[in-house]
Amino acid sequence: MERKIIITADGSSSVYIPQWEEHYHSKHGAIQEAYHVFIKYGLDLFDNTSKINILEIGFGTGLNCLITFLEAKKRNLKINYDGVEAYPLKAEEILQLNYAQQLNIKSKTFEKIHAVTWNEKENIDSDFLLNKRKQFFNDIDDKNAFNLIYFDAFGARVQPELWTEIIFKKMYDSLKSNGVLVTYSAKGSVRRAMQAVGFLVEKLPGPPEKREMLRGVKLI
């Protein structure tokens, strides 16, 4: 499947799939969206927690992992980060991504994230353990393992099978008590699927050019 590197409205890169007319990130700003959805309404909930286990559904470009690493350093957080991706980007595609420049950081951190061997746990530094899992979402079977899930799969328009009760039950089971799932989606069908498996779901203000997004909590 063809993938093209494009520049979004905030100057940061994303990937575009012409066949699906689908972007990996918001065309209105990849970095803006990532910080709004996954940091502001996800990681920020855990500022009083010293150690956090995070599962990312759709590792993609590695942007969410990178900004989580940067925020963890600022906040003195210890992170165990699992990123699930069935179709990793190629090395030549990764080289075209401009996140280090846009975030005004040295590129070695982003390079190290992508240098981690798939399906092997490796430390990015002493407080950030990364496990990049080359895996289909249907094969996830973690139980009570994570505090926070970044649900960043392709949209329901192109892959509706990733936004079903079956998948969200796997997400629910993988969370610890009081665990949180955040996603950019605000579709009614997604909200209902999350509620059906037990999540307490709330609508929140969306990132630029998007009215709403969803956050679910596992209360038991």
N, C-alpha and C. Protein backbone atom coordinates (compact mmCIF):
# COMPACT_ATOMS: atom_id res chain seq x y z
N MET A 1 0.84 -1.20 0.00
CA MET A 1 0.00 0.00 0.00
C MET A 1 0.88 1.25 0.00
N GLU A 2 0.57 2.18 -0.89
CA GLU A 2 1.38 3.40 -1.02
C GLU A 2 1.21 4.30 0.20
N ARG A 3 2.31 4.87 0.68
CA ARG A 3 2.29 5.84 1.78
C ARG A 3 3.11 7.05 1.37
N LYS A 4 2.58 8.23 1.64
CA LYS A 4 3.28 9.47 1.31
C LYS A 4 3.50 10.29 2.57
N ILE A 5 4.68 10.89 2.70
CA ILE A 5 4.95 11.80 3.80
C ILE A 5 4.43 13.18 3.42
N ILE A 6 3.60 13.76 4.29
CA ILE A 6 3.02 15.08 4.02
C ILE A 6 3.31 16.01 5.22
N ILE A 7 3.10 17.30 5.02
CA ILE A 7 3.26 18.27 6.09
C ILE A 7 1.88 18.77 6.51
N THR A 8 1.59 18.72 7.80
CA THR A 8 0.29 19.15 8.31
C THR A 8 0.32 20.64 8.64
N ALA A 9 -0.82 21.17 9.06
CA ALA A 9 -0.99 22.62 9.21
C ALA A 9 -0.07 23.26 10.25
N ASP A 10 0.38 22.49 11.24
CA ASP A 10 1.29 23.07 12.23
C ASP A 10 2.76 22.90 11.84
N GLY A 11 3.02 22.41 10.64
CA GLY A 11 4.39 22.26 10.15
C GLY A 11 4.99 20.89 10.40
N SER A 12 4.29 20.04 11.12
CA SER A 12 4.84 18.72 11.44
C SER A 12 4.38 17.67 10.43
N SER A 13 5.17 16.62 10.32
CA SER A 13 4.93 15.57 9.32
C SER A 13 3.78 14.65 9.71
N SER A 14 3.24 14.01 8.71
CA SER A 14 2.35 12.88 8.90
C SER A 14 2.50 11.97 7.69
N VAL A 15 1.75 10.89 7.70
CA VAL A 15 1.76 9.94 6.59
C VAL A 15 0.36 9.89 6.01
N TYR A 16 0.29 9.88 4.68
CA TYR A 16 -0.99 9.85 3.98
C TYR A 16 -1.07 8.59 3.11
N ILE A 17 -2.22 7.91 3.19
CA ILE A 17 -2.47 6.72 2.37
C ILE A 17 -3.48 7.08 1.30
N PRO A 18 -3.03 7.31 0.07
CA PRO A 18 -3.94 7.73 -1.00
C PRO A 18 -5.09 6.76 -1.25
N GLN A 19 -4.82 5.47 -1.16
CA GLN A 19 -5.85 4.46 -1.44
C GLN A 19 -7.05 4.61 -0.51
N TRP A 20 -6.79 5.00 0.72
CA TRP A 20 -7.86 5.16 1.71
C TRP A 20 -8.26 6.62 1.92
N GLU A 21 -7.48 7.54 1.37
CA GLU A 21 -7.65 8.96 1.68
C GLU A 21 -7.63 9.17 3.20
N GLU A 22 -6.63 8.57 3.83
CA GLU A 22 -6.52 8.58 5.29
C GLU A 22 -5.14 9.04 5.72
N HIS A 23 -5.11 9.85 6.80
CA HIS A 23 -3.85 10.34 7.38
C HIS A 23 -3.55 9.61 8.69
N TYR A 24 -2.27 9.47 9.01
CA TYR A 24 -1.88 8.91 10.30
C TYR A 24 -2.22 9.87 11.43
N HIS A 25 -2.17 11.16 11.16
CA HIS A 25 -2.47 12.20 12.16
C HIS A 25 -3.41 13.22 11.53
N SER A 26 -3.89 14.13 12.35
CA SER A 26 -4.75 15.18 11.83
C SER A 26 -3.99 16.05 10.82
N LYS A 27 -4.61 16.31 9.69
CA LYS A 27 -3.98 17.19 8.70
C LYS A 27 -3.94 18.63 9.21
N HIS A 28 -4.66 18.92 10.29
CA HIS A 28 -4.68 20.26 10.88
C HIS A 28 -3.52 20.46 11.87
N GLY A 29 -2.72 19.43 12.06
CA GLY A 29 -1.55 19.56 12.92
C GLY A 29 -1.26 18.28 13.68
N ALA A 30 -0.25 17.52 13.25
CA ALA A 30 0.07 16.24 13.87
C ALA A 30 0.51 16.40 15.32
N ILE A 31 1.47 17.29 15.56
CA ILE A 31 1.98 17.48 16.92
C ILE A 31 0.91 18.08 17.82
N GLN A 32 0.17 19.07 17.30
CA GLN A 32 -0.91 19.67 18.10
C GLN A 32 -1.92 18.62 18.54
N GLU A 33 -2.32 17.77 17.60
CA GLU A 33 -3.31 16.74 17.92
C GLU A 33 -2.76 15.77 18.97
N ALA A 34 -1.52 15.33 18.80
CA ALA A 34 -0.93 14.36 19.72
C ALA A 34 -0.88 14.90 21.15
N TYR A 35 -0.44 16.14 21.30
CA TYR A 35 -0.38 16.74 22.64
C TYR A 35 -1.77 16.91 23.24
N HIS A 36 -2.72 17.33 22.43
CA HIS A 36 -4.06 17.59 22.93
C HIS A 36 -4.75 16.30 23.39
N VAL A 37 -4.75 15.30 22.53
CA VAL A 37 -5.49 14.07 22.81
C VAL A 37 -4.79 13.21 23.86
N PHE A 38 -3.49 12.96 23.66
CA PHE A 38 -2.83 11.94 24.46
C PHE A 38 -2.08 12.46 25.68
N ILE A 39 -1.64 13.70 25.64
CA ILE A 39 -0.98 14.28 26.81
C ILE A 39 -1.99 15.04 27.68
N LYS A 40 -2.65 16.02 27.11
CA LYS A 40 -3.58 16.85 27.90
C LYS A 40 -4.68 16.01 28.53
N TYR A 41 -5.29 15.10 27.75
CA TYR A 41 -6.43 14.34 28.27
C TYR A 41 -6.08 12.89 28.61
N GLY A 42 -4.79 12.57 28.58
CA GLY A 42 -4.34 11.24 28.96
C GLY A 42 -3.27 11.30 30.04
N LEU A 43 -2.05 11.57 29.63
CA LEU A 43 -0.92 11.54 30.56
C LEU A 43 -1.08 12.51 31.72
N ASP A 44 -1.69 13.67 31.46
CA ASP A 44 -1.85 14.68 32.51
C ASP A 44 -2.63 14.15 33.71
N LEU A 45 -3.44 13.11 33.53
CA LEU A 45 -4.21 12.55 34.64
C LEU A 45 -3.32 11.83 35.65
N PHE A 46 -2.08 11.55 35.26
CA PHE A 46 -1.21 10.71 36.08
C PHE A 46 -0.02 11.47 36.64
N ASP A 47 -0.16 12.77 36.79
CA ASP A 47 0.95 13.59 37.30
C ASP A 47 1.37 13.20 38.71
N ASN A 48 0.47 12.61 39.47
CA ASN A 48 0.81 12.22 40.85
C ASN A 48 1.22 10.76 40.94
N THR A 49 1.47 10.14 39.80
CA THR A 49 1.88 8.74 39.75
C THR A 49 3.33 8.67 39.28
N SER A 50 4.15 7.93 39.99
CA SER A 50 5.57 7.90 39.65
C SER A 50 5.90 6.92 38.53
N LYS A 51 5.07 5.88 38.38
CA LYS A 51 5.32 4.87 37.36
C LYS A 51 4.04 4.59 36.60
N ILE A 52 4.10 4.61 35.26
CA ILE A 52 2.91 4.44 34.43
C ILE A 52 3.20 3.41 33.34
N ASN A 53 2.26 2.51 33.15
CA ASN A 53 2.32 1.56 32.05
C ASN A 53 1.36 2.03 30.96
N ILE A 54 1.89 2.26 29.75
CA ILE A 54 1.10 2.80 28.64
C ILE A 54 1.08 1.82 27.48
N LEU A 55 -0.12 1.66 26.90
CA LEU A 55 -0.28 0.87 25.68
C LEU A 55 -0.73 1.79 24.57
N GLU A 56 -0.01 1.81 23.46
CA GLU A 56 -0.43 2.59 22.30
C GLU A 56 -0.94 1.67 21.22
N ILE A 57 -2.16 1.93 20.77
CA ILE A 57 -2.76 1.16 19.69
C ILE A 57 -2.57 1.95 18.40
N GLY A 58 -1.59 1.52 17.62
CA GLY A 58 -1.22 2.22 16.39
C GLY A 58 0.05 3.02 16.59
N PHE A 59 1.20 2.33 16.72
CA PHE A 59 2.47 3.01 16.98
C PHE A 59 2.84 3.97 15.86
N GLY A 60 2.57 3.57 14.62
CA GLY A 60 2.70 4.47 13.47
C GLY A 60 4.05 5.15 13.34
N THR A 61 4.04 6.47 13.38
CA THR A 61 5.25 7.27 13.18
C THR A 61 6.14 7.34 14.42
N GLY A 62 5.62 6.92 15.57
CA GLY A 62 6.37 7.06 16.82
C GLY A 62 6.22 8.41 17.48
N LEU A 63 5.37 9.29 16.94
CA LEU A 63 5.20 10.63 17.49
C LEU A 63 4.66 10.59 18.92
N ASN A 64 3.64 9.78 19.17
CA ASN A 64 3.07 9.75 20.51
C ASN A 64 4.07 9.23 21.54
N CYS A 65 4.86 8.27 21.12
CA CYS A 65 5.91 7.75 22.00
C CYS A 65 6.95 8.82 22.29
N LEU A 66 7.34 9.56 21.26
CA LEU A 66 8.35 10.61 21.44
C LEU A 66 7.88 11.69 22.40
N ILE A 67 6.67 12.20 22.21
CA ILE A 67 6.23 13.29 23.09
C ILE A 67 5.98 12.77 24.52
N THR A 68 5.61 11.51 24.64
CA THR A 68 5.45 10.93 25.98
C THR A 68 6.80 10.84 26.68
N PHE A 69 7.83 10.45 25.94
CA PHE A 69 9.18 10.41 26.50
C PHE A 69 9.61 11.80 26.95
N LEU A 70 9.38 12.81 26.13
CA LEU A 70 9.78 14.18 26.48
C LEU A 70 9.03 14.67 27.72
N GLU A 71 7.73 14.38 27.80
CA GLU A 71 6.95 14.80 28.96
C GLU A 71 7.35 14.04 30.21
N ALA A 72 7.69 12.77 30.06
CA ALA A 72 8.12 11.96 31.21
C ALA A 72 9.40 12.51 31.82
N LYS A 73 10.30 12.98 30.96
CA LYS A 73 11.55 13.56 31.47
C LYS A 73 11.27 14.83 32.27
N LYS A 74 10.34 15.66 31.79
CA LYS A 74 10.01 16.89 32.50
C LYS A 74 9.38 16.61 33.86
N ARG A 75 8.61 15.52 33.93
CA ARG A 75 7.80 15.24 35.12
C ARG A 75 8.41 14.19 36.04
N ASN A 76 9.59 13.69 35.69
CA ASN A 76 10.25 12.64 36.47
C ASN A 76 9.38 11.40 36.61
N LEU A 77 8.79 11.00 35.49
CA LEU A 77 7.95 9.81 35.47
C LEU A 77 8.75 8.62 34.96
N LYS A 78 8.42 7.47 35.48
CA LYS A 78 8.98 6.21 34.98
C LYS A 78 7.91 5.56 34.11
N ILE A 79 8.24 5.28 32.85
CA ILE A 79 7.25 4.79 31.89
C ILE A 79 7.65 3.43 31.33
N ASN A 80 6.69 2.51 31.34
CA ASN A 80 6.79 1.29 30.54
C ASN A 80 5.82 1.47 29.38
N TYR A 81 6.32 1.49 28.16
CA TYR A 81 5.53 1.87 26.99
C TYR A 81 5.50 0.73 25.98
N ASP A 82 4.29 0.22 25.72
CA ASP A 82 4.10 -0.80 24.69
C ASP A 82 3.40 -0.16 23.50
N GLY A 83 3.99 -0.24 22.31
CA GLY A 83 3.38 0.29 21.10
C GLY A 83 3.08 -0.83 20.13
N VAL A 84 1.81 -1.00 19.78
CA VAL A 84 1.39 -2.09 18.90
C VAL A 84 1.21 -1.57 17.47
N GLU A 85 1.80 -2.26 16.52
CA GLU A 85 1.72 -1.85 15.11
C GLU A 85 1.87 -3.08 14.23
N ALA A 86 0.92 -3.29 13.33
CA ALA A 86 0.99 -4.44 12.43
C ALA A 86 1.85 -4.18 11.20
N TYR A 87 1.91 -2.92 10.78
CA TYR A 87 2.62 -2.58 9.55
C TYR A 87 3.57 -1.41 9.79
N PRO A 88 4.76 -1.69 10.34
CA PRO A 88 5.71 -0.61 10.66
C PRO A 88 6.15 0.18 9.44
N LEU A 89 6.47 1.45 9.66
CA LEU A 89 7.03 2.27 8.60
C LEU A 89 8.40 1.76 8.18
N LYS A 90 8.77 2.06 6.95
CA LYS A 90 10.10 1.72 6.45
C LYS A 90 11.11 2.77 6.91
N ALA A 91 12.37 2.39 6.92
CA ALA A 91 13.44 3.29 7.38
C ALA A 91 13.47 4.58 6.58
N GLU A 92 13.27 4.47 5.27
CA GLU A 92 13.32 5.67 4.42
C GLU A 92 12.14 6.60 4.69
N GLU A 93 11.03 6.06 5.14
CA GLU A 93 9.88 6.89 5.51
C GLU A 93 10.14 7.62 6.83
N ILE A 94 10.70 6.90 7.77
CA ILE A 94 11.01 7.48 9.08
C ILE A 94 11.98 8.66 8.94
N LEU A 95 12.94 8.53 8.05
CA LEU A 95 13.93 9.59 7.86
C LEU A 95 13.32 10.89 7.37
N GLN A 96 12.14 10.83 6.77
CA GLN A 96 11.49 12.04 6.25
C GLN A 96 10.63 12.76 7.29
N LEU A 97 10.46 12.17 8.47
CA LEU A 97 9.62 12.77 9.50
C LEU A 97 10.40 13.86 10.24
N ASN A 98 9.77 15.00 10.47
CA ASN A 98 10.49 16.17 10.98
C ASN A 98 10.21 16.52 12.44
N TYR A 99 9.82 15.53 13.22
CA TYR A 99 9.40 15.83 14.60
C TYR A 99 10.51 16.41 15.47
N ALA A 100 11.72 15.92 15.30
CA ALA A 100 12.82 16.46 16.10
C ALA A 100 13.02 17.95 15.83
N GLN A 101 12.99 18.32 14.57
CA GLN A 101 13.14 19.73 14.21
C GLN A 101 11.98 20.57 14.74
N GLN A 102 10.77 20.08 14.57
CA GLN A 102 9.59 20.83 15.00
C GLN A 102 9.51 20.97 16.52
N LEU A 103 10.01 19.98 17.24
CA LEU A 103 9.99 20.02 18.70
C LEU A 103 11.27 20.63 19.27
N ASN A 104 12.19 20.99 18.38
CA ASN A 104 13.45 21.62 18.77
C ASN A 104 14.25 20.75 19.73
N ILE A 105 14.38 19.49 19.36
CA ILE A 105 15.18 18.55 20.16
C ILE A 105 16.21 17.88 19.24
N LYS A 106 17.18 17.23 19.84
CA LYS A 106 18.15 16.47 19.06
C LYS A 106 17.47 15.23 18.49
N SER A 107 17.84 14.88 17.29
CA SER A 107 17.18 13.78 16.59
C SER A 107 17.52 12.40 17.17
N LYS A 108 18.54 12.32 18.03
CA LYS A 108 19.00 11.00 18.49
C LYS A 108 17.92 10.26 19.28
N THR A 109 17.07 10.99 20.01
CA THR A 109 16.01 10.33 20.78
C THR A 109 15.01 9.66 19.85
N PHE A 110 14.57 10.39 18.83
CA PHE A 110 13.62 9.82 17.87
C PHE A 110 14.26 8.66 17.13
N GLU A 111 15.52 8.80 16.78
CA GLU A 111 16.23 7.73 16.09
C GLU A 111 16.34 6.49 16.98
N LYS A 112 16.56 6.70 18.26
CA LYS A 112 16.69 5.57 19.17
C LYS A 112 15.37 4.83 19.31
N ILE A 113 14.26 5.58 19.36
CA ILE A 113 12.94 4.95 19.43
C ILE A 113 12.73 4.02 18.24
N HIS A 114 13.09 4.48 17.06
CA HIS A 114 12.88 3.67 15.87
C HIS A 114 13.94 2.60 15.68
N ALA A 115 15.04 2.72 16.39
CA ALA A 115 16.08 1.69 16.31
C ALA A 115 15.79 0.49 17.20
N VAL A 116 14.85 0.64 18.12
CA VAL A 116 14.49 -0.47 19.01
C VAL A 116 13.97 -1.64 18.17
N THR A 117 14.46 -2.82 18.46
CA THR A 117 14.06 -4.03 17.74
C THR A 117 12.62 -4.39 18.06
N TRP A 118 11.86 -4.72 17.03
CA TRP A 118 10.47 -5.11 17.25
C TRP A 118 10.39 -6.38 18.09
N ASN A 119 9.43 -6.38 19.03
CA ASN A 119 9.14 -7.51 19.91
C ASN A 119 10.26 -7.79 20.92
N GLU A 120 11.07 -6.76 21.19
CA GLU A 120 12.07 -6.87 22.26
C GLU A 120 12.02 -5.60 23.11
N LYS A 121 11.99 -5.75 24.42
CA LYS A 121 11.96 -4.60 25.32
C LYS A 121 13.35 -3.99 25.41
N GLU A 122 13.40 -2.67 25.21
CA GLU A 122 14.68 -1.97 25.30
C GLU A 122 14.48 -0.64 25.99
N ASN A 123 15.48 -0.20 26.74
CA ASN A 123 15.43 1.08 27.43
C ASN A 123 15.85 2.21 26.51
N ILE A 124 14.99 3.24 26.42
CA ILE A 124 15.38 4.48 25.75
C ILE A 124 16.29 5.27 26.68
N ASP A 125 15.95 5.25 27.96
CA ASP A 125 16.88 5.65 29.03
C ASP A 125 16.47 4.87 30.27
N SER A 126 17.05 5.18 31.41
CA SER A 126 16.82 4.37 32.61
C SER A 126 15.38 4.42 33.10
N ASP A 127 14.61 5.44 32.69
CA ASP A 127 13.24 5.58 33.16
C ASP A 127 12.19 5.35 32.08
N PHE A 128 12.60 4.89 30.91
CA PHE A 128 11.63 4.71 29.82
C PHE A 128 11.94 3.40 29.10
N LEU A 129 11.09 2.40 29.36
CA LEU A 129 11.25 1.08 28.74
C LEU A 129 10.25 0.96 27.60
N LEU A 130 10.75 0.66 26.40
CA LEU A 130 9.90 0.60 25.21
C LEU A 130 9.84 -0.84 24.68
N ASN A 131 8.61 -1.26 24.41
CA ASN A 131 8.37 -2.56 23.79
C ASN A 131 7.52 -2.33 22.55
N LYS A 132 8.15 -2.36 21.38
CA LYS A 132 7.42 -2.20 20.11
C LYS A 132 6.94 -3.58 19.67
N ARG A 133 5.63 -3.75 19.64
CA ARG A 133 5.04 -5.05 19.36
C ARG A 133 4.47 -5.09 17.94
N LYS A 134 5.07 -5.89 17.08
CA LYS A 134 4.54 -6.08 15.73
C LYS A 134 3.42 -7.10 15.85
N GLN A 135 2.18 -6.60 15.84
CA GLN A 135 1.07 -7.44 16.26
C GLN A 135 -0.23 -6.86 15.70
N PHE A 136 -1.18 -7.74 15.35
CA PHE A 136 -2.51 -7.30 14.99
C PHE A 136 -3.30 -7.00 16.26
N PHE A 137 -4.16 -6.01 16.22
CA PHE A 137 -4.91 -5.61 17.41
C PHE A 137 -5.77 -6.75 17.94
N ASN A 138 -6.26 -7.59 17.04
CA ASN A 138 -7.08 -8.73 17.47
C ASN A 138 -6.32 -9.73 18.33
N ASP A 139 -5.00 -9.69 18.24
CA ASP A 139 -4.18 -10.66 18.97
C ASP A 139 -3.75 -10.16 20.35
N ILE A 140 -4.15 -8.97 20.72
CA ILE A 140 -3.80 -8.42 22.04
C ILE A 140 -4.56 -9.20 23.12
N ASP A 141 -3.84 -9.68 24.13
CA ASP A 141 -4.50 -10.44 25.20
C ASP A 141 -3.96 -10.08 26.58
N ASP A 142 -3.48 -8.84 26.74
CA ASP A 142 -2.97 -8.41 28.04
C ASP A 142 -4.12 -8.34 29.05
N LYS A 143 -3.81 -8.58 30.32
CA LYS A 143 -4.81 -8.52 31.38
C LYS A 143 -4.31 -7.64 32.52
N ASN A 144 -5.10 -6.63 32.87
CA ASN A 144 -4.80 -5.76 34.02
C ASN A 144 -3.34 -5.28 34.01
N ALA A 145 -2.88 -4.83 32.86
CA ALA A 145 -1.46 -4.51 32.69
C ALA A 145 -1.16 -3.02 32.58
N PHE A 146 -2.12 -2.21 32.14
CA PHE A 146 -1.82 -0.82 31.78
C PHE A 146 -2.68 0.19 32.55
N ASN A 147 -2.06 1.35 32.78
CA ASN A 147 -2.77 2.47 33.39
C ASN A 147 -3.45 3.36 32.36
N LEU A 148 -2.87 3.39 31.14
CA LEU A 148 -3.31 4.34 30.13
C LEU A 148 -3.17 3.73 28.74
N ILE A 149 -4.21 3.90 27.93
CA ILE A 149 -4.17 3.46 26.54
C ILE A 149 -4.34 4.66 25.62
N TYR A 150 -3.41 4.79 24.69
CA TYR A 150 -3.57 5.75 23.58
C TYR A 150 -4.20 4.96 22.43
N PHE A 151 -5.46 5.20 22.14
CA PHE A 151 -6.11 4.46 21.07
C PHE A 151 -6.06 5.32 19.80
N ASP A 152 -5.09 5.02 18.94
CA ASP A 152 -4.78 5.87 17.79
C ASP A 152 -4.80 5.06 16.50
N ALA A 153 -5.80 4.19 16.39
CA ALA A 153 -5.95 3.37 15.19
C ALA A 153 -6.46 4.22 14.02
N PHE A 154 -6.35 3.67 12.82
CA PHE A 154 -6.96 4.34 11.67
C PHE A 154 -8.46 4.51 11.92
N GLY A 155 -9.05 5.53 11.31
CA GLY A 155 -10.43 5.87 11.57
C GLY A 155 -11.42 4.78 11.20
N ALA A 156 -12.58 4.85 11.86
CA ALA A 156 -13.63 3.86 11.64
C ALA A 156 -14.16 3.88 10.21
N ARG A 157 -13.98 4.97 9.50
CA ARG A 157 -14.43 5.05 8.11
C ARG A 157 -13.70 4.03 7.24
N VAL A 158 -12.40 3.83 7.50
CA VAL A 158 -11.61 2.93 6.65
C VAL A 158 -11.37 1.57 7.30
N GLN A 159 -11.35 1.51 8.64
CA GLN A 159 -11.15 0.24 9.33
C GLN A 159 -12.15 0.10 10.49
N PRO A 160 -13.42 -0.06 10.17
CA PRO A 160 -14.45 -0.15 11.22
C PRO A 160 -14.25 -1.32 12.17
N GLU A 161 -13.56 -2.37 11.71
CA GLU A 161 -13.34 -3.54 12.55
C GLU A 161 -12.44 -3.26 13.74
N LEU A 162 -11.73 -2.13 13.71
CA LEU A 162 -10.85 -1.78 14.83
C LEU A 162 -11.57 -0.99 15.92
N TRP A 163 -12.84 -0.68 15.70
CA TRP A 163 -13.60 0.18 16.61
C TRP A 163 -14.85 -0.53 17.12
N THR A 164 -14.73 -1.83 17.33
CA THR A 164 -15.87 -2.65 17.71
C THR A 164 -15.82 -3.02 19.20
N GLU A 165 -16.91 -3.59 19.68
CA GLU A 165 -16.95 -4.07 21.06
C GLU A 165 -15.87 -5.12 21.31
N ILE A 166 -15.58 -5.94 20.30
CA ILE A 166 -14.55 -6.97 20.46
C ILE A 166 -13.21 -6.35 20.80
N ILE A 167 -12.83 -5.31 20.06
CA ILE A 167 -11.55 -4.65 20.31
C ILE A 167 -11.58 -3.89 21.62
N PHE A 168 -12.66 -3.18 21.90
CA PHE A 168 -12.70 -2.40 23.14
C PHE A 168 -12.78 -3.29 24.38
N LYS A 169 -13.32 -4.50 24.25
CA LYS A 169 -13.28 -5.45 25.37
C LYS A 169 -11.84 -5.84 25.66
N LYS A 170 -11.04 -6.01 24.61
CA LYS A 170 -9.62 -6.30 24.81
C LYS A 170 -8.92 -5.13 25.51
N MET A 171 -9.29 -3.90 25.13
CA MET A 171 -8.71 -2.72 25.76
C MET A 171 -9.11 -2.65 27.23
N TYR A 172 -10.38 -2.89 27.49
CA TYR A 172 -10.89 -2.84 28.87
C TYR A 172 -10.17 -3.87 29.74
N ASP A 173 -10.04 -5.08 29.22
CA ASP A 173 -9.38 -6.15 29.99
C ASP A 173 -7.91 -5.85 30.24
N SER A 174 -7.28 -5.13 29.32
CA SER A 174 -5.85 -4.87 29.45
C SER A 174 -5.54 -3.77 30.46
N LEU A 175 -6.56 -2.98 30.81
CA LEU A 175 -6.35 -1.88 31.77
C LEU A 175 -6.44 -2.36 33.21
N LYS A 176 -5.68 -1.70 34.07
CA LYS A 176 -5.81 -1.87 35.50
C LYS A 176 -7.04 -1.12 35.98
N SER A 177 -7.44 -1.35 37.22
CA SER A 177 -8.56 -0.61 37.80
C SER A 177 -8.26 0.88 37.76
N ASN A 178 -9.25 1.68 37.37
CA ASN A 178 -9.12 3.13 37.19
C ASN A 178 -8.23 3.50 36.01
N GLY A 179 -7.97 2.54 35.14
CA GLY A 179 -7.22 2.82 33.93
C GLY A 179 -8.04 3.66 32.96
N VAL A 180 -7.33 4.33 32.04
CA VAL A 180 -7.95 5.31 31.15
C VAL A 180 -7.60 4.99 29.70
N LEU A 181 -8.58 5.14 28.81
CA LEU A 181 -8.36 5.06 27.37
C LEU A 181 -8.75 6.40 26.76
N VAL A 182 -7.85 6.97 25.95
CA VAL A 182 -8.16 8.21 25.24
C VAL A 182 -8.03 7.98 23.74
N THR A 183 -8.91 8.63 22.98
CA THR A 183 -8.89 8.52 21.54
C THR A 183 -9.38 9.81 20.91
N TYR A 184 -8.90 10.06 19.71
CA TYR A 184 -9.32 11.25 18.96
C TYR A 184 -10.75 11.13 18.45
N SER A 185 -11.27 9.90 18.37
CA SER A 185 -12.59 9.68 17.79
C SER A 185 -13.69 10.19 18.71
N ALA A 186 -14.79 10.63 18.10
CA ALA A 186 -15.98 11.02 18.87
C ALA A 186 -17.24 10.42 18.26
N LYS A 187 -17.10 9.42 17.40
CA LYS A 187 -18.25 8.82 16.75
C LYS A 187 -19.20 8.18 17.76
N GLY A 188 -20.48 8.31 17.51
CA GLY A 188 -21.46 7.71 18.40
C GLY A 188 -21.31 6.21 18.50
N SER A 189 -20.99 5.55 17.39
CA SER A 189 -20.82 4.10 17.41
C SER A 189 -19.63 3.68 18.26
N VAL A 190 -18.58 4.50 18.26
CA VAL A 190 -17.41 4.22 19.09
C VAL A 190 -17.75 4.39 20.56
N ARG A 191 -18.43 5.48 20.88
CA ARG A 191 -18.84 5.72 22.27
C ARG A 191 -19.72 4.57 22.79
N ARG A 192 -20.65 4.12 21.97
CA ARG A 192 -21.55 3.05 22.40
C ARG A 192 -20.80 1.72 22.56
N ALA A 193 -19.84 1.46 21.70
CA ALA A 193 -19.05 0.23 21.83
C ALA A 193 -18.22 0.26 23.11
N MET A 194 -17.65 1.41 23.44
CA MET A 194 -16.88 1.54 24.67
C MET A 194 -17.78 1.35 25.90
N GLN A 195 -18.94 1.96 25.87
CA GLN A 195 -19.87 1.84 27.00
C GLN A 195 -20.36 0.40 27.17
N ALA A 196 -20.57 -0.29 26.05
CA ALA A 196 -21.10 -1.65 26.10
C ALA A 196 -20.17 -2.62 26.81
N VAL A 197 -18.85 -2.37 26.77
CA VAL A 197 -17.91 -3.28 27.42
C VAL A 197 -17.55 -2.85 28.84
N GLY A 198 -18.11 -1.71 29.29
CA GLY A 198 -17.92 -1.32 30.69
C GLY A 198 -17.27 0.02 30.94
N PHE A 199 -16.78 0.70 29.91
CA PHE A 199 -16.14 2.00 30.12
C PHE A 199 -17.16 3.06 30.54
N LEU A 200 -16.75 3.91 31.46
CA LEU A 200 -17.45 5.16 31.72
C LEU A 200 -16.87 6.17 30.74
N VAL A 201 -17.69 6.64 29.82
CA VAL A 201 -17.19 7.43 28.69
C VAL A 201 -17.63 8.88 28.81
N GLU A 202 -16.70 9.79 28.54
CA GLU A 202 -17.03 11.21 28.51
C GLU A 202 -16.54 11.83 27.21
N LYS A 203 -17.31 12.81 26.74
CA LYS A 203 -16.90 13.61 25.59
C LYS A 203 -16.07 14.78 26.08
N LEU A 204 -15.00 15.07 25.36
CA LEU A 204 -14.10 16.17 25.72
C LEU A 204 -13.87 17.03 24.49
N PRO A 205 -13.43 18.28 24.68
CA PRO A 205 -13.12 19.13 23.53
C PRO A 205 -12.04 18.50 22.65
N GLY A 206 -12.25 18.52 21.36
CA GLY A 206 -11.31 17.90 20.44
C GLY A 206 -10.13 18.80 20.12
N PRO A 207 -9.16 18.25 19.39
CA PRO A 207 -8.00 19.05 18.95
C PRO A 207 -8.42 20.04 17.88
N PRO A 208 -7.51 20.88 17.39
CA PRO A 208 -7.86 21.88 16.40
C PRO A 208 -8.68 21.32 15.23
N GLU A 209 -9.77 22.01 14.91
CA GLU A 209 -10.68 21.68 13.81
C GLU A 209 -11.50 20.42 14.07
N LYS A 210 -11.50 19.93 15.31
CA LYS A 210 -12.34 18.77 15.65
C LYS A 210 -13.10 19.10 16.93
N ARG A 211 -14.42 18.97 16.90
CA ARG A 211 -15.24 19.47 18.01
C ARG A 211 -15.08 18.65 19.28
N GLU A 212 -15.03 17.32 19.14
CA GLU A 212 -15.02 16.47 20.33
C GLU A 212 -14.08 15.28 20.16
N MET A 213 -13.77 14.65 21.29
CA MET A 213 -13.01 13.40 21.36
C MET A 213 -13.56 12.62 22.54
N LEU A 214 -13.09 11.38 22.73
CA LEU A 214 -13.62 10.52 23.78
C LEU A 214 -12.54 10.07 24.76
N ARG A 215 -12.97 9.90 26.01
CA ARG A 215 -12.11 9.31 27.04
C ARG A 215 -12.95 8.32 27.85
N GLY A 216 -12.41 7.12 28.06
CA GLY A 216 -13.11 6.11 28.84
C GLY A 216 -12.29 5.71 30.05
N VAL A 217 -13.00 5.39 31.15
CA VAL A 217 -12.35 4.99 32.39
C VAL A 217 -12.89 3.64 32.82
N LYS A 218 -11.98 2.76 33.25
CA LYS A 218 -12.37 1.47 33.82
C LYS A 218 -12.43 1.65 35.34
N LEU A 219 -13.62 1.64 35.88
CA LEU A 219 -13.79 2.01 37.29
C LEU A 219 -13.54 0.86 38.26
N ILE A 220 -13.64 -0.39 37.83
CA ILE A 220 -13.47 -1.50 38.78
C ILE A 220 -12.00 -1.90 38.88
